[in-house]
Amino acid sequence: MVAALAPRVGQLGEARVVGSSFRPLNCSEAEARSLIRRAPMTLAQWLWTALVGAGCVYWLVIAVGVVRVIRTVPILGRSKAPDPPRWPKVSVIIPACNEGADLEEAMRSKLAEDYPDVEFVLVDDRSTDDTGAIVDRMAAEDARVSPLHITHLPSGWLGKLHAMHQGLRAARGEWLLFSDADIRFTPGALKRAVALCHERNLDHLTVFPSVWPVGMPLDAAMAGFTRLLVVGARLWEVHDPDKRAAMGVGAFNLVRRGAFERTPGFEWLKLEVADDLALGQMLKRSGARTAVANGRDQLGLYFQRTMKDLARGAERIAAFTRFSVVRAILLGVVLLALELAPFLGCIPSGVPGLALASACVAVLAVASSVAINRWMRHPILPALLVPVGSLLIAAMILRGGVVPSLRGGLRWRGTLYPADALLEGQRVELV
């Protein structure tokens, strides 16, 4: 209480005890009692300081992680890896389910590759749009394309994993590239990736694509998501065989066939909603030498075109929160509090130095967001809107975690998967 009154006492002059009250000599007893009544706010100030301090520490950790990612993860387009003595045969396995809007353009970019020995296993996974017709047209135009049509999804499988499993069975390459149907390639990207794998003696290389802008709110959310992903996954440790960090990205997972055959395979992953990350973890656990590269200017896509699409995709978060409404709410609220704490801490609170320290960390937070977007060649302006992105991410977590939990399962590509089955088939380890 004395500490709380000290600043005011210093302004009002000397003080004396009046009854049981600490009263400045030139202050009325009523004003003194008013000061005393406000003294319990000291507890609130301590709690506020603790929250802002936790948020500041959180952002310092993020900033350090951003620096480590930028310093250690190579940019594929800048790779100077020499050509291998022989270009191994690569099978590009592309699962496609109702991808008619993007498939043809994306496939033509892949077919523009000048890789000497490549085949494209194009899998039409139960599509109800014109995807199947596009698959057949691509195969008729280019002998390197092998079409595969799936009309039935067996029980106990997620559609994409089943499609990749069937594509793998049809593939003949020494290397396997699992790539989503909407990914556009820059000519030479595959050569650079294979050369990098040869130079570093890798068994698995995953490459992050550029995400093309679609609109300010969604781009702000993507800036926050990218930052959380690259730091949360500790990309700077993925190449270290002594670390548990692993990564997989649906845009580009290049795998040596022999390394894949040492794993339990897609049958083990068949109900894992985070299939790409799970593939990376499975490979590293089996002893594969893995690495990550930045594929800016080499790979690109429109990740989601509307907030509705983003919200639907975020429903996979429910598997990470084990279909618990309480866990989803806690995750969303805690993350939002930590993300916004330095910005809210700039509001005057009566705590000496807190606003200034918060302002410094808020600047660091924005700088970290901008740094990751520049590193990925994403737009800068959305990266400046850190609080907006944080609010949208928290909203996606809350909706994505709560709705499937209340529903009792995850609806994905027209199929409802019960929560119990998905939890039993979960393979990703959050480390």
Protein backbone atom coordinates (compact mmCIF):
# COMPACT_ATOMS: atom_id res chain seq x y z
CA MET A 1 0.00 0.00 0.00
CA VAL A 2 2.82 2.36 0.89
CA ALA A 3 4.45 1.61 -2.44
CA ALA A 4 1.22 2.39 -4.22
CA LEU A 5 0.85 5.74 -2.43
CA ALA A 6 4.48 6.77 -2.67
CA PRO A 7 4.25 8.55 -6.04
CA ARG A 8 1.25 10.58 -4.94
CA VAL A 9 2.80 11.35 -1.53
CA GLY A 10 5.91 12.60 -3.23
CA GLN A 11 3.78 15.10 -5.11
CA LEU A 12 1.68 16.23 -2.11
CA GLY A 13 4.46 16.68 0.39
CA GLU A 14 5.06 15.34 3.92
CA ALA A 15 2.70 12.80 5.45
CA ARG A 16 1.49 11.71 8.87
CA VAL A 17 -0.65 8.92 10.21
CA VAL A 18 -4.26 9.92 10.84
CA GLY A 19 -6.01 7.23 12.84
CA SER A 20 -5.17 4.10 10.94
CA SER A 21 -4.63 5.98 7.69
CA PHE A 22 -1.46 7.18 5.96
CA ARG A 23 -2.26 10.80 5.13
CA PRO A 24 -0.21 13.58 3.44
CA LEU A 25 -0.17 16.76 5.51
CA ASN A 26 -1.56 18.92 2.68
CA CYS A 27 -4.16 16.34 1.63
CA SER A 28 -7.64 16.07 3.03
CA GLU A 29 -8.58 12.95 4.93
CA ALA A 30 -11.21 12.17 2.27
CA GLU A 31 -8.59 12.27 -0.46
CA ALA A 32 -6.24 10.12 1.58
CA ARG A 33 -8.96 7.56 2.13
CA SER A 34 -9.66 7.67 -1.62
CA LEU A 35 -6.02 6.89 -2.32
CA ILE A 36 -6.15 4.02 0.14
CA ARG A 37 -9.28 2.62 -1.47
CA ARG A 38 -7.46 2.54 -4.78
CA ALA A 39 -4.47 0.69 -3.30
CA PRO A 40 -5.87 -2.83 -4.07
CA MET A 41 -5.32 -2.04 -7.80
CA THR A 42 -1.68 -2.80 -7.08
CA LEU A 43 -2.56 -6.48 -7.37
CA ALA A 44 -4.21 -5.84 -10.70
CA GLN A 45 -1.11 -3.99 -11.83
CA TRP A 46 1.07 -6.91 -10.83
CA LEU A 47 -1.16 -9.32 -12.76
CA TRP A 48 -1.15 -7.00 -15.76
CA THR A 49 2.62 -6.73 -15.60
CA ALA A 50 2.92 -10.53 -15.45
CA LEU A 51 0.70 -10.94 -18.53
CA VAL A 52 2.54 -8.30 -20.53
CA GLY A 53 5.87 -9.72 -19.39
CA ALA A 54 4.88 -13.22 -20.54
CA GLY A 55 3.88 -11.80 -23.90
CA CYS A 56 7.18 -9.95 -24.20
CA VAL A 57 9.14 -13.13 -23.45
CA TYR A 58 7.00 -14.99 -26.00
CA TRP A 59 7.84 -12.45 -28.70
CA LEU A 60 11.53 -12.48 -27.80
CA VAL A 61 11.51 -16.25 -28.34
CA ILE A 62 9.70 -15.74 -31.66
CA ALA A 63 12.26 -13.14 -32.75
CA VAL A 64 15.19 -15.42 -31.95
CA GLY A 65 13.48 -18.25 -33.83
CA VAL A 66 12.93 -16.05 -36.86
CA VAL A 67 16.61 -15.14 -36.97
CA ARG A 68 17.62 -18.80 -36.70
CA VAL A 69 15.26 -19.85 -39.47
CA ILE A 70 16.49 -17.16 -41.85
CA ARG A 71 20.14 -17.95 -41.10
CA THR A 72 19.97 -21.74 -41.39
CA VAL A 73 17.25 -22.73 -43.89
CA PRO A 74 18.58 -22.55 -47.46
CA ILE A 75 16.74 -20.79 -50.30
CA LEU A 76 16.28 -23.33 -53.07
CA GLY A 77 16.54 -20.77 -55.88
CA ARG A 78 19.97 -19.70 -54.62
CA SER A 79 21.34 -23.23 -54.35
CA LYS A 80 24.69 -23.75 -56.07
CA ALA A 81 24.63 -27.52 -55.68
CA PRO A 82 26.37 -29.20 -58.64
CA ASP A 83 24.50 -31.58 -60.89
CA PRO A 84 24.75 -35.21 -59.78
CA PRO A 85 26.70 -37.63 -62.01
CA ARG A 86 23.38 -39.18 -63.01
CA TRP A 87 19.88 -37.77 -62.69
CA PRO A 88 17.82 -40.44 -60.86
CA LYS A 89 14.30 -41.21 -62.04
CA VAL A 90 11.72 -39.18 -60.12
CA SER A 91 8.03 -40.06 -59.77
CA VAL A 92 5.87 -37.01 -59.03
CA ILE A 93 2.75 -38.27 -57.26
CA ILE A 94 -0.13 -35.78 -57.37
CA PRO A 95 -3.41 -36.54 -55.56
CA ALA A 96 -6.32 -34.46 -56.87
CA CYS A 97 -9.85 -34.29 -55.50
CA ASN A 98 -12.16 -31.71 -57.13
CA GLU A 99 -9.20 -29.61 -58.23
CA GLY A 100 -10.64 -28.61 -61.59
CA ALA A 101 -10.12 -24.89 -60.97
CA ASP A 102 -6.34 -25.19 -60.53
CA LEU A 103 -5.21 -28.58 -61.81
CA GLU A 104 -4.57 -27.85 -65.48
CA GLU A 105 -2.54 -24.67 -64.93
CA ALA A 106 -0.58 -26.30 -62.12
CA MET A 107 0.09 -29.43 -64.17
CA ARG A 108 1.30 -27.46 -67.16
CA SER A 109 3.83 -25.70 -64.91
CA LYS A 110 5.05 -29.10 -63.71
CA LEU A 111 5.22 -30.47 -67.25
CA ALA A 112 7.42 -27.50 -68.21
CA GLU A 113 10.15 -29.06 -66.05
CA ASP A 114 13.21 -30.07 -68.04
CA TYR A 115 14.19 -32.84 -65.65
CA PRO A 116 15.68 -35.66 -67.75
CA ASP A 117 13.89 -38.67 -66.24
CA VAL A 118 10.53 -37.91 -64.62
CA GLU A 119 7.04 -39.38 -64.57
CA PHE A 120 3.86 -37.81 -63.21
CA VAL A 121 1.40 -40.10 -61.48
CA LEU A 122 -1.77 -38.03 -61.54
CA VAL A 123 -4.40 -39.46 -59.18
CA ASP A 124 -8.06 -38.47 -59.59
CA ASP A 125 -9.45 -39.16 -56.12
CA ARG A 126 -13.24 -39.59 -56.46
CA SER A 127 -13.70 -36.14 -58.00
CA THR A 128 -17.18 -34.91 -58.86
CA ASP A 129 -16.06 -31.98 -61.04
CA ASP A 130 -13.99 -32.03 -64.26
CA THR A 131 -10.79 -33.18 -62.52
CA GLY A 132 -11.04 -36.65 -64.07
CA ALA A 133 -11.37 -35.23 -67.58
CA ILE A 134 -8.37 -32.97 -67.04
CA VAL A 135 -6.32 -35.93 -65.82
CA ASP A 136 -7.14 -37.90 -68.97
CA ARG A 137 -6.42 -34.89 -71.21
CA MET A 138 -3.01 -34.33 -69.59
CA ALA A 139 -2.17 -38.00 -70.06
CA ALA A 140 -3.19 -37.89 -73.73
CA GLU A 141 -1.02 -34.83 -74.35
CA ASP A 142 2.12 -35.95 -72.50
CA ALA A 143 3.43 -39.51 -72.28
CA ARG A 144 5.12 -38.72 -68.95
CA VAL A 145 1.70 -38.50 -67.28
CA SER A 146 0.21 -41.72 -65.90
CA PRO A 147 -3.49 -41.30 -65.04
CA LEU A 148 -5.03 -43.10 -62.10
CA HIS A 149 -8.71 -42.90 -61.17
CA ILE A 150 -9.96 -43.85 -57.70
CA THR A 151 -13.69 -44.43 -57.35
CA HIS A 152 -13.88 -45.89 -53.85
CA LEU A 153 -12.40 -44.91 -50.48
CA PRO A 154 -11.80 -47.91 -48.22
CA SER A 155 -12.95 -47.68 -44.63
CA GLY A 156 -10.28 -46.46 -42.23
CA TRP A 157 -8.44 -44.21 -44.70
CA LEU A 158 -8.31 -40.47 -45.25
CA GLY A 159 -8.81 -39.73 -48.93
CA LYS A 160 -5.55 -37.94 -49.65
CA LEU A 161 -3.43 -40.55 -47.88
CA HIS A 162 -5.19 -43.33 -49.76
CA ALA A 163 -4.61 -41.49 -53.05
CA MET A 164 -0.90 -41.05 -52.27
CA HIS A 165 -0.71 -44.72 -51.29
CA GLN A 166 -2.21 -45.80 -54.61
CA GLY A 167 0.00 -43.38 -56.51
CA LEU A 168 3.06 -44.80 -54.78
CA ARG A 169 2.12 -48.31 -55.85
CA ALA A 170 2.03 -47.13 -59.47
CA ALA A 171 5.27 -45.12 -59.27
CA ARG A 172 8.57 -46.47 -60.65
CA GLY A 173 11.06 -43.78 -59.63
CA GLU A 174 14.11 -44.00 -57.37
CA TRP A 175 12.84 -40.76 -55.82
CA LEU A 176 9.24 -39.93 -54.96
CA LEU A 177 7.90 -36.38 -55.00
CA PHE A 178 4.54 -35.96 -53.28
CA SER A 179 3.06 -32.66 -54.44
CA ASP A 180 -0.41 -31.14 -54.11
CA ALA A 181 -2.50 -30.63 -57.24
CA ASP A 182 -2.61 -26.81 -57.02
CA ILE A 183 1.15 -26.20 -56.74
CA ARG A 184 2.82 -24.31 -59.59
CA PHE A 185 6.48 -25.03 -60.35
CA THR A 186 9.11 -22.78 -61.85
CA PRO A 187 11.14 -24.62 -64.51
CA GLY A 188 14.27 -26.06 -62.93
CA ALA A 189 12.85 -26.36 -59.41
CA LEU A 190 12.96 -30.16 -59.48
CA LYS A 191 16.53 -30.22 -60.73
CA ARG A 192 17.65 -27.84 -57.99
CA ALA A 193 15.96 -29.97 -55.34
CA VAL A 194 17.48 -33.25 -56.55
CA ALA A 195 20.93 -31.65 -56.82
CA LEU A 196 20.62 -30.29 -53.28
CA CYS A 197 19.66 -33.74 -52.00
CA HIS A 198 22.66 -35.27 -53.76
CA GLU A 199 25.07 -32.63 -52.44
CA ARG A 200 23.88 -33.00 -48.82
CA ASN A 201 23.25 -36.76 -49.01
CA LEU A 202 19.61 -36.29 -48.02
CA ASP A 203 16.80 -38.82 -47.99
CA HIS A 204 14.01 -36.27 -47.65
CA LEU A 205 13.70 -32.63 -48.65
CA THR A 206 10.58 -30.60 -47.98
CA VAL A 207 10.23 -27.19 -49.63
CA PHE A 208 8.00 -24.33 -48.49
CA PRO A 209 6.16 -22.61 -51.37
CA SER A 210 5.29 -18.97 -51.83
CA VAL A 211 1.68 -18.19 -50.88
CA TRP A 212 0.19 -15.70 -53.31
CA PRO A 213 -1.85 -12.77 -51.95
CA VAL A 214 -5.64 -12.77 -52.19
CA GLY A 215 -6.83 -10.03 -49.80
CA MET A 216 -5.64 -8.07 -46.80
CA PRO A 217 -7.43 -9.90 -43.92
CA LEU A 218 -6.59 -13.36 -45.19
CA ASP A 219 -3.02 -12.33 -46.04
CA ALA A 220 -2.59 -10.95 -42.49
CA ALA A 221 -3.77 -14.28 -41.10
CA MET A 222 -1.36 -16.15 -43.39
CA ALA A 223 1.53 -13.94 -42.24
CA GLY A 224 0.84 -14.95 -38.65
CA PHE A 225 0.35 -18.60 -39.55
CA THR A 226 3.63 -18.73 -41.48
CA ARG A 227 5.52 -17.15 -38.61
CA LEU A 228 4.06 -19.57 -36.07
CA LEU A 229 4.73 -22.57 -38.31
CA VAL A 230 8.37 -21.92 -39.14
CA VAL A 231 9.28 -21.03 -35.55
CA GLY A 232 7.02 -23.52 -33.79
CA ALA A 233 8.36 -26.36 -35.92
CA ARG A 234 11.96 -25.29 -35.17
CA LEU A 235 13.00 -25.48 -38.80
CA TRP A 236 16.62 -24.75 -37.89
CA GLU A 237 16.82 -28.19 -36.20
CA VAL A 238 15.19 -30.33 -38.90
CA HIS A 239 18.51 -31.18 -40.58
CA ASP A 240 20.10 -32.23 -37.26
CA PRO A 241 19.81 -36.02 -36.78
CA ASP A 242 20.17 -35.58 -33.02
CA LYS A 243 17.09 -33.34 -32.80
CA ARG A 244 13.48 -34.50 -32.91
CA ALA A 245 12.28 -31.59 -35.06
CA ALA A 246 10.87 -32.75 -38.41
CA MET A 247 8.76 -31.20 -41.12
CA GLY A 248 6.73 -32.06 -44.17
CA VAL A 249 4.85 -29.75 -46.55
CA GLY A 250 2.19 -30.95 -48.98
CA ALA A 251 3.54 -28.68 -51.71
CA PHE A 252 6.83 -30.56 -52.02
CA ASN A 253 7.96 -33.69 -50.19
CA LEU A 254 10.87 -35.26 -52.10
CA VAL A 255 11.74 -38.70 -50.68
CA ARG A 256 14.30 -41.34 -51.57
CA ARG A 257 12.31 -44.54 -52.23
CA GLY A 258 14.69 -46.64 -50.16
CA ALA A 259 14.22 -44.33 -47.17
CA PHE A 260 10.44 -44.47 -47.52
CA GLU A 261 10.51 -48.25 -47.66
CA ARG A 262 12.20 -48.31 -44.24
CA THR A 263 9.14 -46.62 -42.71
CA PRO A 264 5.77 -48.18 -41.75
CA GLY A 265 4.34 -46.48 -44.85
CA PHE A 266 1.03 -44.82 -45.57
CA GLU A 267 -0.86 -47.69 -43.95
CA TRP A 268 0.47 -46.41 -40.62
CA LEU A 269 -0.48 -42.81 -41.40
CA LYS A 270 -3.85 -43.55 -43.02
CA LEU A 271 -5.97 -41.61 -40.46
CA GLU A 272 -3.54 -38.79 -39.65
CA VAL A 273 -5.08 -35.42 -40.56
CA ALA A 274 -1.67 -33.68 -40.45
CA ASP A 275 -0.42 -36.07 -43.12
CA ASP A 276 2.45 -33.89 -44.42
CA LEU A 277 3.98 -33.23 -41.02
CA ALA A 278 3.42 -36.86 -40.07
CA LEU A 279 5.30 -38.00 -43.19
CA GLY A 280 8.31 -35.89 -42.20
CA GLN A 281 8.26 -37.19 -38.63
CA MET A 282 7.88 -40.79 -39.78
CA LEU A 283 10.87 -40.49 -42.10
CA LYS A 284 13.11 -38.90 -39.49
CA ARG A 285 12.18 -41.48 -36.85
CA SER A 286 13.18 -44.21 -39.30
CA GLY A 287 16.65 -42.70 -39.65
CA ALA A 288 16.18 -40.69 -42.84
CA ARG A 289 18.40 -37.64 -43.36
CA THR A 290 15.96 -34.76 -43.70
CA ALA A 291 16.11 -31.05 -44.47
CA VAL A 292 13.93 -28.03 -45.28
CA ALA A 293 14.35 -25.38 -47.98
CA ASN A 294 12.66 -22.10 -48.82
CA GLY A 295 11.01 -22.48 -52.21
CA ARG A 296 10.20 -18.83 -52.91
CA ASP A 297 10.22 -18.11 -56.64
CA GLN A 298 10.32 -21.88 -57.26
CA LEU A 299 6.92 -23.04 -56.01
CA GLY A 300 3.70 -21.12 -55.47
CA LEU A 301 -0.03 -21.46 -54.79
CA TYR A 302 -3.15 -19.76 -53.56
CA PHE A 303 -3.37 -21.40 -50.15
CA GLN A 304 -6.97 -20.35 -49.43
CA ARG A 305 -9.02 -17.91 -51.46
CA THR A 306 -11.65 -16.94 -48.87
CA MET A 307 -11.97 -16.73 -45.10
CA LYS A 308 -14.60 -19.47 -45.35
CA ASP A 309 -12.05 -21.78 -46.98
CA LEU A 310 -9.52 -20.92 -44.28
CA ALA A 311 -12.05 -21.64 -41.54
CA ARG A 312 -12.92 -24.98 -43.11
CA GLY A 313 -9.26 -25.93 -43.37
CA ALA A 314 -8.67 -24.92 -39.76
CA GLU A 315 -11.01 -27.66 -38.56
CA ARG A 316 -8.06 -30.03 -38.56
CA ILE A 317 -6.93 -28.17 -35.43
CA ALA A 318 -9.54 -30.21 -33.55
CA ALA A 319 -7.32 -33.27 -33.87
CA PHE A 320 -4.44 -31.42 -32.17
CA THR A 321 -6.73 -30.40 -29.30
CA ARG A 322 -8.02 -34.01 -29.16
CA PHE A 323 -11.54 -32.87 -29.96
CA SER A 324 -11.79 -31.06 -26.63
CA VAL A 325 -13.76 -27.82 -26.53
CA VAL A 326 -11.93 -26.76 -23.36
CA ARG A 327 -8.48 -27.33 -24.92
CA ALA A 328 -9.47 -25.44 -28.06
CA ILE A 329 -10.71 -22.45 -26.08
CA LEU A 330 -7.62 -22.44 -23.86
CA LEU A 331 -5.31 -22.65 -26.86
CA GLY A 332 -7.06 -19.82 -28.67
CA VAL A 333 -7.28 -17.53 -25.62
CA VAL A 334 -3.72 -18.12 -24.40
CA LEU A 335 -2.22 -17.65 -27.86
CA LEU A 336 -4.22 -14.47 -28.40
CA ALA A 337 -3.19 -13.09 -25.00
CA LEU A 338 0.51 -13.74 -25.67
CA GLU A 339 0.34 -12.35 -29.22
CA LEU A 340 -1.42 -9.13 -28.21
CA ALA A 341 0.22 -8.55 -24.81
CA PRO A 342 3.03 -6.18 -25.95
CA PHE A 343 0.58 -4.10 -27.99
CA LEU A 344 -1.88 -3.82 -25.09
CA GLY A 345 1.02 -3.13 -22.75
CA CYS A 346 1.61 0.18 -24.55
CA ILE A 347 -1.53 1.50 -22.86
CA PRO A 348 -0.56 3.54 -19.75
CA SER A 349 -1.13 1.44 -16.64
CA GLY A 350 0.74 3.27 -13.93
CA VAL A 351 3.55 0.70 -13.90
CA PRO A 352 6.85 2.56 -14.43
CA GLY A 353 8.58 1.60 -17.68
CA LEU A 354 6.01 -1.00 -18.74
CA ALA A 355 4.59 0.99 -21.63
CA LEU A 356 8.06 1.78 -23.00
CA ALA A 357 9.23 -1.84 -22.74
CA SER A 358 6.01 -3.04 -24.36
CA ALA A 359 6.41 -0.57 -27.21
CA CYS A 360 9.93 -1.86 -27.89
CA VAL A 361 8.75 -5.47 -27.97
CA ALA A 362 5.76 -4.54 -30.14
CA VAL A 363 8.18 -3.05 -32.67
CA LEU A 364 10.24 -6.26 -32.47
CA ALA A 365 7.08 -8.32 -33.07
CA VAL A 366 6.21 -6.38 -36.20
CA ALA A 367 9.83 -6.59 -37.38
CA SER A 368 9.80 -10.38 -36.91
CA SER A 369 6.60 -10.69 -38.92
CA VAL A 370 7.99 -8.52 -41.70
CA ALA A 371 11.26 -10.46 -41.74
CA ILE A 372 9.53 -13.80 -42.32
CA ASN A 373 7.32 -12.36 -45.06
CA ARG A 374 10.34 -10.82 -46.79
CA TRP A 375 12.21 -14.10 -46.49
CA MET A 376 9.29 -15.92 -48.13
CA ARG A 377 8.71 -13.10 -50.68
CA HIS A 378 5.21 -12.57 -49.32
CA PRO A 379 3.61 -9.07 -49.24
CA ILE A 380 4.94 -6.80 -46.51
CA LEU A 381 1.83 -4.78 -45.68
CA PRO A 382 -0.15 -7.72 -44.21
CA ALA A 383 2.87 -8.55 -42.04
CA LEU A 384 2.59 -5.12 -40.44
CA LEU A 385 -0.91 -5.93 -39.22
CA VAL A 386 0.23 -8.32 -36.51
CA PRO A 387 -2.74 -7.75 -34.13
CA VAL A 388 -5.21 -8.32 -36.98
CA GLY A 389 -3.51 -11.55 -37.96
CA SER A 390 -3.40 -12.66 -34.33
CA LEU A 391 -7.13 -12.05 -33.88
CA LEU A 392 -7.96 -13.99 -37.04
CA ILE A 393 -5.71 -16.92 -36.09
CA ALA A 394 -7.28 -17.10 -32.63
CA ALA A 395 -10.75 -17.02 -34.23
CA MET A 396 -9.75 -19.85 -36.59
CA ILE A 397 -8.41 -21.91 -33.69
CA LEU A 398 -11.58 -21.40 -31.68
CA ARG A 399 -13.88 -22.24 -34.57
CA GLY A 400 -11.68 -25.00 -35.94
CA GLY A 401 -11.29 -26.63 -32.55
CA VAL A 402 -14.80 -26.19 -31.20
CA VAL A 403 -17.06 -26.98 -34.18
CA PRO A 404 -15.66 -30.48 -34.98
CA SER A 405 -15.51 -31.26 -31.25
CA LEU A 406 -19.20 -30.50 -30.88
CA ARG A 407 -19.92 -32.38 -34.11
CA GLY A 408 -18.02 -35.41 -32.83
CA GLY A 409 -15.75 -35.70 -35.83
CA LEU A 410 -14.08 -34.05 -38.81
CA ARG A 411 -15.85 -33.60 -42.14
CA TRP A 412 -13.24 -33.74 -44.87
CA ARG A 413 -13.74 -33.97 -48.63
CA GLY A 414 -17.33 -35.15 -48.23
CA THR A 415 -16.64 -37.78 -45.57
CA LEU A 416 -17.31 -37.55 -41.82
CA TYR A 417 -14.53 -39.13 -39.78
CA PRO A 418 -15.48 -39.89 -36.14
CA ALA A 419 -13.28 -38.29 -33.50
CA ASP A 420 -12.49 -41.64 -31.84
CA ALA A 421 -11.14 -43.10 -35.09
CA LEU A 422 -9.00 -40.03 -35.82
CA LEU A 423 -7.55 -40.00 -32.31
CA GLU A 424 -6.71 -43.67 -32.58
CA GLY A 425 -4.98 -43.04 -35.89
CA GLN A 426 -3.09 -39.95 -34.75
CA ARG A 427 0.65 -40.21 -35.38
CA VAL A 428 1.98 -36.66 -35.12
CA GLU A 429 3.99 -35.84 -32.01
CA LEU A 430 3.83 -32.23 -30.86
CA VAL A 431 7.35 -31.53 -29.60
